[in-house]
Amino acid sequence: SMVMRGLLAATGLWATAAALRAMRHEDLAGKTVLITGGSRGLGLAMARAFGRAGCRVVICARDEPTLAQARESLAAEGVDALALPCDV
């Protein structure tokens, strides 16, 4: 259901935020993070969070136009991301 998906997404965002708080930014700076499903939803939110923490971000998704939009959105926020179309 839509409520369940929203709850799962919120839980995932909370877990990502908690993990980032637990690590020092120096520990993440320069690391590369690969996020599948990174063109929208939780994946895109995670890409933003890791990018802001100083990580190099690689996002993957099936839909190339949506993936390109996600990369542009991240770039507008100062996150340099590599976008690779793929189907896992």
Protein backbone atom coordinates (compact mmCIF):
# COMPACT_ATOMS: atom_id res chain seq x y z
CA SER A 1 0.00 0.00 0.00
CA MET A 2 1.02 3.62 -0.39
CA VAL A 3 1.20 4.12 3.39
CA MET A 4 3.49 1.10 3.77
CA ARG A 5 5.80 2.32 0.99
CA GLY A 6 5.96 5.74 2.64
CA LEU A 7 6.80 4.14 5.98
CA LEU A 8 9.53 2.01 4.42
CA ALA A 9 11.02 5.04 2.64
CA ALA A 10 11.00 7.07 5.86
CA THR A 11 12.66 4.19 7.70
CA GLY A 12 15.32 3.95 5.00
CA LEU A 13 16.01 7.68 5.14
CA TRP A 14 16.25 7.55 8.92
CA ALA A 15 18.70 4.64 8.74
CA THR A 16 20.83 6.45 6.15
CA ALA A 17 20.87 9.62 8.24
CA ALA A 18 21.79 7.64 11.35
CA ALA A 19 24.64 5.91 9.54
CA LEU A 20 25.97 9.22 8.24
CA ARG A 21 25.81 10.77 11.72
CA ALA A 22 27.67 7.80 13.17
CA MET A 23 30.54 8.26 10.73
CA ARG A 24 32.68 11.33 10.67
CA HIS A 25 32.61 13.24 7.40
CA GLU A 26 36.37 12.70 7.15
CA ASP A 27 35.71 8.96 7.06
CA LEU A 28 33.43 9.38 4.04
CA ALA A 29 35.25 12.10 2.11
CA GLY A 30 36.57 10.71 -1.14
CA LYS A 31 34.80 7.35 -0.82
CA THR A 32 32.70 6.15 -3.74
CA VAL A 33 29.10 5.13 -3.16
CA LEU A 34 27.14 3.15 -5.78
CA ILE A 35 23.38 3.51 -5.45
CA THR A 36 21.08 1.36 -7.55
CA GLY A 37 17.64 2.83 -8.02
CA GLY A 38 19.27 6.23 -7.59
CA SER A 39 17.07 8.17 -9.99
CA ARG A 40 14.20 8.76 -7.57
CA GLY A 41 12.77 8.15 -4.12
CA LEU A 42 14.96 6.72 -1.40
CA GLY A 43 17.89 6.09 -3.76
CA LEU A 44 18.00 9.73 -4.84
CA ALA A 45 17.69 10.90 -1.22
CA MET A 46 20.61 8.65 -0.27
CA ALA A 47 22.67 10.01 -3.17
CA ARG A 48 22.07 13.54 -1.89
CA ALA A 49 23.02 12.60 1.68
CA PHE A 50 26.21 10.78 0.73
CA GLY A 51 27.17 13.51 -1.76
CA ARG A 52 26.80 16.17 0.92
CA ALA A 53 29.00 14.05 3.18
CA GLY A 54 31.80 14.29 0.62
CA CYS A 55 31.38 10.98 -1.19
CA ARG A 56 31.74 10.45 -4.90
CA VAL A 57 28.31 9.27 -5.99
CA VAL A 58 27.38 6.85 -8.77
CA ILE A 59 23.67 6.41 -9.41
CA CYS A 60 22.18 3.64 -11.53
CA ALA A 61 18.67 3.09 -12.86
CA ARG A 62 16.92 1.65 -15.89
CA ASP A 63 15.22 4.77 -17.25
CA GLU A 64 17.85 7.02 -18.87
CA PRO A 65 15.77 10.24 -19.01
CA THR A 66 14.83 9.95 -15.32
CA LEU A 67 18.42 9.13 -14.47
CA ALA A 68 19.63 12.22 -16.34
CA GLN A 69 17.12 14.37 -14.47
CA ALA A 70 18.33 12.95 -11.16
CA ARG A 71 21.97 13.70 -12.05
CA GLU A 72 21.03 17.26 -13.00
CA SER A 73 19.08 17.68 -9.75
CA LEU A 74 22.07 16.48 -7.76
CA ALA A 75 24.41 18.78 -9.69
CA ALA A 76 22.13 21.75 -8.95
CA GLU A 77 22.58 20.91 -5.26
CA GLY A 78 26.37 20.72 -5.54
CA VAL A 79 26.60 16.92 -5.67
CA ASP A 80 28.75 15.67 -8.53
CA ALA A 81 27.29 12.32 -9.55
CA LEU A 82 28.03 9.87 -12.31
CA ALA A 83 24.83 8.42 -13.78
CA LEU A 84 24.94 4.97 -15.39
CA PRO A 85 21.92 3.32 -16.98
CA CYS A 86 21.62 -0.32 -15.94
CA ASP A 87 19.13 -2.96 -14.93
CA VAL A 88 20.14 -5.03 -11.93
